[in-house]
PDB file of all heavy atoms in Angstrom:
ATOM      1  N   VAL A   1      12.713  -8.772   4.987  1.00  0.00           N
ATOM      2  CA  VAL A   1      11.861  -7.675   4.925  1.00  0.00           C
ATOM      3  C   VAL A   1      10.644  -7.757   5.729  1.00  0.00           C
ATOM      4  O   VAL A   1       9.953  -8.828   5.455  1.00  0.00           O
ATOM      5  CB  VAL A   1      11.506  -7.242   3.362  1.00  0.00           C
ATOM      6  CG1 VAL A   1      10.483  -6.016   3.328  1.00  0.00           C
ATOM      7  CG2 VAL A   1      12.650  -7.079   2.490  1.00  0.00           C
ATOM      8  N   ASN A   2      10.468  -6.929   6.649  1.00  0.00           N
ATOM      9  CA  ASN A   2       9.235  -7.248   7.572  1.00  0.00           C
ATOM     10  C   ASN A   2       7.980  -6.647   6.883  1.00  0.00           C
ATOM     11  O   ASN A   2       8.022  -5.750   5.979  1.00  0.00           O
ATOM     12  CB  ASN A   2       9.446  -6.657   9.003  1.00  0.00           C
ATOM     13  CG  ASN A   2       9.763  -5.190   9.111  1.00  0.00           C
ATOM     14  OD1 ASN A   2       9.164  -4.405   8.305  1.00  0.00           O
ATOM     15  ND2 ASN A   2      10.447  -4.825  10.131  1.00  0.00           N
ATOM     16  N   VAL A   3       6.884  -7.059   7.578  1.00  0.00           N
ATOM     17  CA  VAL A   3       5.581  -6.660   6.959  1.00  0.00           C
ATOM     18  C   VAL A   3       5.343  -5.063   7.170  1.00  0.00           C
ATOM     19  O   VAL A   3       4.835  -4.455   6.227  1.00  0.00           O
ATOM     20  CB  VAL A   3       4.473  -7.375   7.707  1.00  0.00           C
ATOM     21  CG1 VAL A   3       3.086  -6.883   7.278  1.00  0.00           C
ATOM     22  CG2 VAL A   3       4.577  -8.899   7.390  1.00  0.00           C
ATOM     23  N   ALA A   4       5.937  -4.601   8.216  1.00  0.00           N
ATOM     24  CA  ALA A   4       5.746  -3.209   8.410  1.00  0.00           C
ATOM     25  C   ALA A   4       6.384  -2.335   7.348  1.00  0.00           C
ATOM     26  O   ALA A   4       5.896  -1.368   6.900  1.00  0.00           O
ATOM     27  CB  ALA A   4       6.333  -2.802   9.856  1.00  0.00           C
ATOM     28  N   THR A   5       7.563  -2.715   6.934  1.00  0.00           N
ATOM     29  CA  THR A   5       8.366  -2.103   5.753  1.00  0.00           C
ATOM     30  C   THR A   5       7.489  -2.206   4.536  1.00  0.00           C
ATOM     31  O   THR A   5       7.346  -1.129   3.727  1.00  0.00           O
ATOM     32  CB  THR A   5       9.734  -2.635   5.579  1.00  0.00           C
ATOM     33  OG1 THR A   5      10.523  -2.459   6.785  1.00  0.00           O
ATOM     34  CG2 THR A   5      10.370  -2.043   4.377  1.00  0.00           C
ATOM     35  N   MET A   6       6.898  -3.413   4.229  1.00  0.00           N
ATOM     36  CA  MET A   6       6.053  -3.515   3.085  1.00  0.00           C
ATOM     37  C   MET A   6       4.955  -2.543   3.198  1.00  0.00           C
ATOM     38  O   MET A   6       4.641  -1.965   2.086  1.00  0.00           O
ATOM     39  CB  MET A   6       5.669  -5.002   2.946  1.00  0.00           C
ATOM     40  CG  MET A   6       6.870  -5.996   2.691  1.00  0.00           C
ATOM     41  SD  MET A   6       6.243  -7.627   2.602  1.00  0.00           S
ATOM     42  CE  MET A   6       5.319  -7.739   1.168  1.00  0.00           C
ATOM     43  N   ARG A   7       4.245  -2.484   4.177  1.00  0.00           N
ATOM     44  CA  ARG A   7       3.105  -1.560   4.327  1.00  0.00           C
ATOM     45  C   ARG A   7       3.424  -0.181   4.064  1.00  0.00           C
ATOM     46  O   ARG A   7       2.736   0.541   3.448  1.00  0.00           O
ATOM     47  CB  ARG A   7       2.328  -1.788   5.672  1.00  0.00           C
ATOM     48  CG  ARG A   7       1.752  -3.206   5.835  1.00  0.00           C
ATOM     49  CD  ARG A   7       0.844  -3.258   7.166  1.00  0.00           C
ATOM     50  NE  ARG A   7       1.429  -2.866   8.364  1.00  0.00           N
ATOM     51  CZ  ARG A   7       1.158  -1.609   8.943  1.00  0.00           C
ATOM     52  NH1 ARG A   7       0.175  -0.870   8.294  1.00  0.00           N
ATOM     53  NH2 ARG A   7       1.720  -1.338  10.103  1.00  0.00           N
ATOM     54  N   LYS A   8       4.603   0.210   4.722  1.00  0.00           N
ATOM     55  CA  LYS A   8       5.105   1.562   4.486  1.00  0.00           C
ATOM     56  C   LYS A   8       5.323   1.861   2.998  1.00  0.00           C
ATOM     57  O   LYS A   8       4.855   2.964   2.471  1.00  0.00           O
ATOM     58  CB  LYS A   8       6.378   1.775   5.272  1.00  0.00           C
ATOM     59  CG  LYS A   8       7.113   3.174   5.089  1.00  0.00           C
ATOM     60  CD  LYS A   8       8.385   3.194   5.609  1.00  0.00           C
ATOM     61  CE  LYS A   8       9.482   2.423   4.926  1.00  0.00           C
ATOM     62  NZ  LYS A   8      10.000   2.875   3.813  1.00  0.00           N
ATOM     63  N   ASP A   9       6.008   1.035   2.311  1.00  0.00           N
ATOM     64  CA  ASP A   9       6.359   1.294   0.932  1.00  0.00           C
ATOM     65  C   ASP A   9       5.111   1.201   0.103  1.00  0.00           C
ATOM     66  O   ASP A   9       4.816   2.030  -0.870  1.00  0.00           O
ATOM     67  CB  ASP A   9       7.274   0.117   0.462  1.00  0.00           C
ATOM     68  CG  ASP A   9       8.659   0.324   1.101  1.00  0.00           C
ATOM     69  OD1 ASP A   9       8.836   1.214   1.674  1.00  0.00           O
ATOM     70  OD2 ASP A   9       9.315  -0.648   0.706  1.00  0.00           O
ATOM     71  N   MET A  10       4.109   0.394   0.415  1.00  0.00           N
ATOM     72  CA  MET A  10       2.802   0.287  -0.306  1.00  0.00           C
ATOM     73  C   MET A  10       2.091   1.625  -0.245  1.00  0.00           C
ATOM     74  O   MET A  10       1.468   2.142  -1.125  1.00  0.00           O
ATOM     75  CB  MET A  10       2.101  -0.925  -0.058  1.00  0.00           C
ATOM     76  CG  MET A  10       2.786  -2.211  -0.410  1.00  0.00           C
ATOM     77  SD  MET A  10       1.801  -3.733   0.040  1.00  0.00           S
ATOM     78  CE  MET A  10       0.635  -3.693  -1.426  1.00  0.00           C
ATOM     79  N   GLN A  11       2.070   2.258   1.006  1.00  0.00           N
ATOM     80  CA  GLN A  11       1.325   3.382   1.230  1.00  0.00           C
ATOM     81  C   GLN A  11       2.037   4.538   0.535  1.00  0.00           C
ATOM     82  O   GLN A  11       1.357   5.361  -0.093  1.00  0.00           O
ATOM     83  CB  GLN A  11       1.307   3.601   2.765  1.00  0.00           C
ATOM     84  CG  GLN A  11       0.450   4.907   3.165  1.00  0.00           C
ATOM     85  CD  GLN A  11      -0.985   4.670   2.718  1.00  0.00           C
ATOM     86  OE1 GLN A  11      -1.729   3.746   3.135  1.00  0.00           O
ATOM     87  NE2 GLN A  11      -1.425   5.646   1.826  1.00  0.00           N
ATOM     88  N   ALA A  12       3.295   4.506   0.467  1.00  0.00           N
ATOM     89  CA  ALA A  12       4.031   5.499  -0.432  1.00  0.00           C
ATOM     90  C   ALA A  12       3.598   5.373  -1.727  1.00  0.00           C
ATOM     91  O   ALA A  12       3.469   6.362  -2.545  1.00  0.00           O
ATOM     92  CB  ALA A  12       5.548   5.277  -0.215  1.00  0.00           C
ATOM     93  N   MET A  13       3.481   4.151  -2.313  1.00  0.00           N
ATOM     94  CA  MET A  13       2.944   3.917  -3.754  1.00  0.00           C
ATOM     95  C   MET A  13       1.780   4.575  -3.885  1.00  0.00           C
ATOM     96  O   MET A  13       1.441   5.309  -4.909  1.00  0.00           O
ATOM     97  CB  MET A  13       2.988   2.411  -3.958  1.00  0.00           C
ATOM     98  CG  MET A  13       4.353   1.782  -4.014  1.00  0.00           C
ATOM     99  SD  MET A  13       4.113  -0.124  -4.006  1.00  0.00           S
ATOM    100  CE  MET A  13       5.726  -0.489  -3.643  1.00  0.00           C
ATOM    101  N   LEU A  14       0.739   4.292  -2.969  1.00  0.00           N
ATOM    102  CA  LEU A  14      -0.657   4.858  -3.177  1.00  0.00           C
ATOM    103  C   LEU A  14      -0.628   6.278  -2.997  1.00  0.00           C
ATOM    104  O   LEU A  14      -1.327   7.094  -3.904  1.00  0.00           O
ATOM    105  CB  LEU A  14      -1.489   4.291  -2.022  1.00  0.00           C
ATOM    106  CG  LEU A  14      -1.844   2.721  -2.261  1.00  0.00           C
ATOM    107  CD1 LEU A  14      -2.562   2.229  -1.038  1.00  0.00           C
ATOM    108  CD2 LEU A  14      -2.612   2.426  -3.437  1.00  0.00           C
ATOM    109  N   ASP A  15       0.211   6.929  -2.126  1.00  0.00           N
ATOM    110  CA  ASP A  15       0.294   8.401  -2.024  1.00  0.00           C
ATOM    111  C   ASP A  15       0.897   8.999  -3.382  1.00  0.00           C
ATOM    112  O   ASP A  15       0.268  10.034  -3.710  1.00  0.00           O
ATOM    113  CB  ASP A  15       1.238   8.785  -0.789  1.00  0.00           C
ATOM    114  CG  ASP A  15       0.733   8.387   0.578  1.00  0.00           C
ATOM    115  OD1 ASP A  15      -0.505   8.143   0.593  1.00  0.00           O
ATOM    116  OD2 ASP A  15       1.429   8.305   1.411  1.00  0.00           O
ATOM    117  N   GLN A  16       1.817   8.242  -3.864  1.00  0.00           N
ATOM    118  CA  GLN A  16       2.325   8.902  -5.122  1.00  0.00           C
ATOM    119  C   GLN A  16       1.295   8.821  -6.292  1.00  0.00           C
ATOM    120  O   GLN A  16       1.209   9.668  -7.132  1.00  0.00           O
ATOM    121  CB  GLN A  16       3.667   8.170  -5.531  1.00  0.00           C
ATOM    122  CG  GLN A  16       4.358   8.671  -6.765  1.00  0.00           C
ATOM    123  CD  GLN A  16       4.806  10.183  -6.568  1.00  0.00           C
ATOM    124  OE1 GLN A  16       4.849  10.682  -5.499  1.00  0.00           O
ATOM    125  NE2 GLN A  16       5.252  10.696  -7.710  1.00  0.00           N
ATOM    126  N   GLY A  17       0.558   7.629  -6.304  1.00  0.00           N
ATOM    127  CA  GLY A  17      -0.433   7.505  -7.339  1.00  0.00           C
ATOM    128  C   GLY A  17      -1.460   8.567  -7.204  1.00  0.00           C
ATOM    129  O   GLY A  17      -1.874   9.160  -8.127  1.00  0.00           O
ATOM    130  N   HIS A  18      -1.863   8.937  -5.936  1.00  0.00           N
ATOM    131  CA  HIS A  18      -2.831   9.922  -5.711  1.00  0.00           C
ATOM    132  C   HIS A  18      -2.259  11.340  -6.140  1.00  0.00           C
ATOM    133  O   HIS A  18      -3.018  12.174  -6.680  1.00  0.00           O
ATOM    134  CB  HIS A  18      -3.185   9.954  -4.256  1.00  0.00           C
ATOM    135  CG  HIS A  18      -4.166  11.075  -3.766  1.00  0.00           C
ATOM    136  ND1 HIS A  18      -5.522  10.968  -4.111  1.00  0.00           N
ATOM    137  CD2 HIS A  18      -4.038  12.245  -3.147  1.00  0.00           C
ATOM    138  CE1 HIS A  18      -6.163  12.053  -3.718  1.00  0.00           C
ATOM    139  NE2 HIS A  18      -5.243  12.882  -3.202  1.00  0.00           N
ATOM    140  N   ALA A  19      -0.951  11.453  -5.819  1.00  0.00           N
ATOM    141  CA  ALA A  19      -0.332  12.890  -6.088  1.00  0.00           C
ATOM    142  C   ALA A  19      -0.266  13.127  -7.648  1.00  0.00           C
ATOM    143  O   ALA A  19      -0.265  14.136  -8.073  1.00  0.00           O
ATOM    144  CB  ALA A  19       0.947  13.006  -5.569  1.00  0.00           C
ATOM    145  N   THR A  20      -0.205  11.875  -8.395  1.00  0.00           N
ATOM    146  CA  THR A  20      -0.024  12.068  -9.840  1.00  0.00           C
ATOM    147  C   THR A  20      -1.379  11.609 -10.552  1.00  0.00           C
ATOM    148  O   THR A  20      -1.314  11.432 -11.834  1.00  0.00           O
ATOM    149  CB  THR A  20       1.076  11.177 -10.339  1.00  0.00           C
ATOM    150  OG1 THR A  20       0.941   9.875  -9.946  1.00  0.00           O
ATOM    151  CG2 THR A  20       2.459  11.777  -9.826  1.00  0.00           C
ATOM    152  N   HIS A  21      -2.458  11.464  -9.852  1.00  0.00           N
ATOM    153  CA  HIS A  21      -3.859  11.196 -10.434  1.00  0.00           C
ATOM    154  C   HIS A  21      -3.814   9.845 -11.072  1.00  0.00           C
ATOM    155  O   HIS A  21      -4.385   9.796 -12.218  1.00  0.00           O
ATOM    156  CB  HIS A  21      -4.295  12.279 -11.416  1.00  0.00           C
ATOM    157  CG  HIS A  21      -4.184  13.620 -10.731  1.00  0.00           C
ATOM    158  ND1 HIS A  21      -5.015  13.993  -9.756  1.00  0.00           N
ATOM    159  CD2 HIS A  21      -3.358  14.706 -10.874  1.00  0.00           C
ATOM    160  CE1 HIS A  21      -4.750  15.329  -9.252  1.00  0.00           C
ATOM    161  NE2 HIS A  21      -3.757  15.735 -10.060  1.00  0.00           N
ATOM    162  N   LYS A  22      -3.110   8.819 -10.435  1.00  0.00           N
ATOM    163  CA  LYS A  22      -3.183   7.460 -11.120  1.00  0.00           C
ATOM    164  C   LYS A  22      -3.777   6.530 -10.071  1.00  0.00           C
ATOM    165  O   LYS A  22      -3.566   6.635  -8.912  1.00  0.00           O
ATOM    166  CB  LYS A  22      -1.625   7.038 -11.261  1.00  0.00           C
ATOM    167  CG  LYS A  22      -0.737   7.972 -12.146  1.00  0.00           C
ATOM    168  CD  LYS A  22      -1.336   8.001 -13.623  1.00  0.00           C
ATOM    169  CE  LYS A  22      -0.437   8.970 -14.495  1.00  0.00           C
ATOM    170  NZ  LYS A  22      -0.882   9.093 -15.894  1.00  0.00           N
ATOM    171  N   SER A  23      -4.504   5.600 -10.698  1.00  0.00           N
ATOM    172  CA  SER A  23      -5.333   4.617  -9.780  1.00  0.00           C
ATOM    173  C   SER A  23      -4.447   3.308  -9.709  1.00  0.00           C
ATOM    174  O   SER A  23      -3.924   2.824 -10.707  1.00  0.00           O
ATOM    175  CB  SER A  23      -6.602   4.281 -10.568  1.00  0.00           C
ATOM    176  OG  SER A  23      -7.282   3.277  -9.846  1.00  0.00           O
ATOM    177  N   LEU A  24      -4.338   2.852  -8.552  1.00  0.00           N
ATOM    178  CA  LEU A  24      -3.490   1.650  -8.261  1.00  0.00           C
ATOM    179  C   LEU A  24      -4.378   0.712  -7.471  1.00  0.00           C
ATOM    180  O   LEU A  24      -4.186   0.362  -6.222  1.00  0.00           O
ATOM    181  CB  LEU A  24      -2.321   1.957  -7.485  1.00  0.00           C
ATOM    182  CG  LEU A  24      -1.357   3.079  -8.019  1.00  0.00           C
ATOM    183  CD1 LEU A  24      -0.188   3.296  -7.004  1.00  0.00           C
ATOM    184  CD2 LEU A  24      -0.889   2.612  -9.335  1.00  0.00           C
ATOM    185  N   PRO A  25      -5.503   0.177  -8.014  1.00  0.00           N
ATOM    186  CA  PRO A  25      -6.402  -0.689  -7.307  1.00  0.00           C
ATOM    187  C   PRO A  25      -5.902  -1.918  -6.597  1.00  0.00           C
ATOM    188  O   PRO A  25      -6.244  -2.234  -5.586  1.00  0.00           O
ATOM    189  CB  PRO A  25      -7.512  -0.877  -8.341  1.00  0.00           C
ATOM    190  CG  PRO A  25      -6.854  -0.744  -9.605  1.00  0.00           C
ATOM    191  CD  PRO A  25      -5.790   0.365  -9.465  1.00  0.00           C
ATOM    192  N   LEU A  26      -5.025  -2.720  -7.329  1.00  0.00           N
ATOM    193  CA  LEU A  26      -4.500  -3.890  -6.897  1.00  0.00           C
ATOM    194  C   LEU A  26      -3.560  -3.632  -5.640  1.00  0.00           C
ATOM    195  O   LEU A  26      -3.558  -4.368  -4.730  1.00  0.00           O
ATOM    196  CB  LEU A  26      -3.651  -4.693  -8.022  1.00  0.00           C
ATOM    197  CG  LEU A  26      -4.558  -5.144  -9.149  1.00  0.00           C
ATOM    198  CD1 LEU A  26      -3.590  -5.848 -10.112  1.00  0.00           C
ATOM    199  CD2 LEU A  26      -5.532  -6.134  -8.678  1.00  0.00           C
ATOM    200  N   THR A  27      -2.785  -2.538  -5.752  1.00  0.00           N
ATOM    201  CA  THR A  27      -1.973  -2.124  -4.675  1.00  0.00           C
ATOM    202  C   THR A  27      -2.768  -1.883  -3.482  1.00  0.00           C
ATOM    203  O   THR A  27      -2.473  -2.255  -2.301  1.00  0.00           O
ATOM    204  CB  THR A  27      -1.099  -1.015  -4.943  1.00  0.00           C
ATOM    205  OG1 THR A  27      -0.361  -1.282  -6.197  1.00  0.00           O
ATOM    206  CG2 THR A  27      -0.144  -0.584  -3.888  1.00  0.00           C
ATOM    207  N   ALA A  28      -3.809  -1.208  -3.587  1.00  0.00           N
ATOM    208  CA  ALA A  28      -4.819  -0.760  -2.505  1.00  0.00           C
ATOM    209  C   ALA A  28      -5.348  -1.968  -1.896  1.00  0.00           C
ATOM    210  O   ALA A  28      -5.474  -2.227  -0.646  1.00  0.00           O
ATOM    211  CB  ALA A  28      -5.863   0.152  -2.983  1.00  0.00           C
ATOM    212  N   LEU A  29      -5.772  -2.933  -2.751  1.00  0.00           N
ATOM    213  CA  LEU A  29      -6.315  -4.239  -2.224  1.00  0.00           C
ATOM    214  C   LEU A  29      -5.417  -5.103  -1.494  1.00  0.00           C
ATOM    215  O   LEU A  29      -5.666  -5.692  -0.385  1.00  0.00           O
ATOM    216  CB  LEU A  29      -6.982  -5.053  -3.261  1.00  0.00           C
ATOM    217  CG  LEU A  29      -8.261  -4.450  -3.837  1.00  0.00           C
ATOM    218  CD1 LEU A  29      -8.763  -5.110  -5.162  1.00  0.00           C
ATOM    219  CD2 LEU A  29      -9.479  -4.395  -2.794  1.00  0.00           C
ATOM    220  N   ALA A  30      -4.180  -5.162  -1.915  1.00  0.00           N
ATOM    221  CA  ALA A  30      -3.213  -5.930  -1.268  1.00  0.00           C
ATOM    222  C   ALA A  30      -2.791  -5.277   0.040  1.00  0.00           C
ATOM    223  O   ALA A  30      -2.576  -6.024   0.994  1.00  0.00           O
ATOM    224  CB  ALA A  30      -1.850  -6.007  -2.120  1.00  0.00           C
ATOM    225  N   LEU A  31      -2.625  -4.083   0.075  1.00  0.00           N
ATOM    226  CA  LEU A  31      -2.391  -3.385   1.376  1.00  0.00           C
ATOM    227  C   LEU A  31      -3.362  -3.587   2.330  1.00  0.00           C
ATOM    228  O   LEU A  31      -3.114  -3.769   3.550  1.00  0.00           O
ATOM    229  CB  LEU A  31      -2.226  -1.775   1.067  1.00  0.00           C
ATOM    230  CG  LEU A  31      -1.905  -0.996   2.342  1.00  0.00           C
ATOM    231  CD1 LEU A  31      -0.664  -1.515   3.044  1.00  0.00           C
ATOM    232  CD2 LEU A  31      -1.889   0.430   2.027  1.00  0.00           C
ATOM    233  N   GLN A  32      -4.655  -3.688   2.043  1.00  0.00           N
ATOM    234  CA  GLN A  32      -5.608  -4.015   2.920  1.00  0.00           C
ATOM    235  C   GLN A  32      -5.482  -5.337   3.584  1.00  0.00           C
ATOM    236  O   GLN A  32      -5.643  -5.459   4.820  1.00  0.00           O
ATOM    237  CB  GLN A  32      -7.047  -3.998   2.284  1.00  0.00           C
ATOM    238  CG  GLN A  32      -7.609  -2.649   1.853  1.00  0.00           C
ATOM    239  CD  GLN A  32      -8.934  -2.763   1.118  1.00  0.00           C
ATOM    240  OE1 GLN A  32      -9.608  -3.816   1.093  1.00  0.00           O
ATOM    241  NE2 GLN A  32      -9.328  -1.717   0.514  1.00  0.00           N
ATOM    242  N   GLN A  33      -5.024  -6.335   2.861  1.00  0.00           N
ATOM    243  CA  GLN A  33      -4.805  -7.618   3.399  1.00  0.00           C
ATOM    244  C   GLN A  33      -3.472  -7.539   4.402  1.00  0.00           C
ATOM    245  O   GLN A  33      -3.491  -8.226   5.361  1.00  0.00           O
ATOM    246  CB  GLN A  33      -4.528  -8.658   2.225  1.00  0.00           C
ATOM    247  CG  GLN A  33      -5.701  -8.913   1.396  1.00  0.00           C
ATOM    248  CD  GLN A  33      -7.033  -9.122   1.989  1.00  0.00           C
ATOM    249  OE1 GLN A  33      -6.945  -9.907   3.071  1.00  0.00           O
ATOM    250  NE2 GLN A  33      -8.143  -8.568   1.637  1.00  0.00           N
ATOM    251  N   PHE A  34      -2.471  -6.815   3.910  1.00  0.00           N
ATOM    252  CA  PHE A  34      -1.253  -6.785   4.748  1.00  0.00           C
ATOM    253  C   PHE A  34      -1.556  -6.092   6.056  1.00  0.00           C
ATOM    254  O   PHE A  34      -0.970  -6.346   7.109  1.00  0.00           O
ATOM    255  CB  PHE A  34      -0.178  -6.081   4.013  1.00  0.00           C
ATOM    256  CG  PHE A  34       0.295  -6.809   2.794  1.00  0.00           C
ATOM    257  CD1 PHE A  34       1.207  -6.218   1.864  1.00  0.00           C
ATOM    258  CD2 PHE A  34      -0.157  -8.013   2.556  1.00  0.00           C
ATOM    259  CE1 PHE A  34       1.630  -6.996   0.751  1.00  0.00           C
ATOM    260  CE2 PHE A  34       0.357  -8.879   1.359  1.00  0.00           C
ATOM    261  CZ  PHE A  34       1.172  -8.211   0.536  1.00  0.00           C
ATOM    262  N   GLU A  35      -2.514  -5.071   6.075  1.00  0.00           N
ATOM    263  CA  GLU A  35      -2.939  -4.408   7.201  1.00  0.00           C
ATOM    264  C   GLU A  35      -3.626  -5.342   8.150  1.00  0.00           C
ATOM    265  O   GLU A  35      -3.512  -5.310   9.445  1.00  0.00           O
ATOM    266  CB  GLU A  35      -3.688  -3.193   6.969  1.00  0.00           C
ATOM    267  CG  GLU A  35      -2.839  -1.940   6.349  1.00  0.00           C
ATOM    268  CD  GLU A  35      -3.620  -0.798   5.864  1.00  0.00           C
ATOM    269  OE1 GLU A  35      -4.903  -0.987   5.654  1.00  0.00           O
ATOM    270  OE2 GLU A  35      -3.100   0.228   5.775  1.00  0.00           O
ATOM    271  N   SER A  36      -4.419  -6.173   7.601  1.00  0.00           N
ATOM    272  CA  SER A  36      -5.094  -7.127   8.397  1.00  0.00           C
ATOM    273  C   SER A  36      -4.082  -8.157   9.037  1.00  0.00           C
ATOM    274  O   SER A  36      -4.216  -8.517  10.213  1.00  0.00           O
ATOM    275  CB  SER A  36      -6.089  -8.090   7.568  1.00  0.00           C
ATOM    276  OG  SER A  36      -7.189  -7.130   7.039  1.00  0.00           O
ATOM    277  N   ALA A  37      -3.079  -8.585   8.340  1.00  0.00           N
ATOM    278  CA  ALA A  37      -2.012  -9.470   8.804  1.00  0.00           C
ATOM    279  C   ALA A  37      -1.279  -8.680   9.954  1.00  0.00           C
ATOM    280  O   ALA A  37      -0.960  -9.309  10.989  1.00  0.00           O
ATOM    281  CB  ALA A  37      -1.139  -9.815   7.680  1.00  0.00           C
ATOM    282  N   ALA A  38      -0.959  -7.498   9.805  1.00  0.00           N
ATOM    283  CA  ALA A  38      -0.271  -6.600  10.673  1.00  0.00           C
ATOM    284  C   ALA A  38      -1.136  -6.628  12.158  1.00  0.00           C
ATOM    285  O   ALA A  38      -0.628  -6.671  13.178  1.00  0.00           O
ATOM    286  CB  ALA A  38      -0.038  -5.277  10.304  1.00  0.00           C
ATOM    287  N   GLN A  39      -2.497  -6.398  11.967  1.00  0.00           N
ATOM    288  CA  GLN A  39      -3.394  -6.401  13.067  1.00  0.00           C
ATOM    289  C   GLN A  39      -3.259  -7.702  13.800  1.00  0.00           C
ATOM    290  O   GLN A  39      -3.761  -7.875  15.001  1.00  0.00           O
ATOM    291  CB  GLN A  39      -4.783  -6.030  12.748  1.00  0.00           C
ATOM    292  CG  GLN A  39      -4.898  -4.651  12.329  1.00  0.00           C
ATOM    293  CD  GLN A  39      -6.172  -4.246  11.532  1.00  0.00           C
ATOM    294  OE1 GLN A  39      -7.062  -5.045  11.569  1.00  0.00           O
ATOM    295  NE2 GLN A  39      -6.375  -3.065  10.994  1.00  0.00           N
TER     296      GLN A  39
END
């Protein structure tokens, strides 16, 4: 599983959380680190 796929899936998780008014703070923080790795 590549990092790009992981970032895509985590963004989808955050999008769904936003759509259903749920907070996913750990997911958001982890995605920030993965985006730094991608850069």
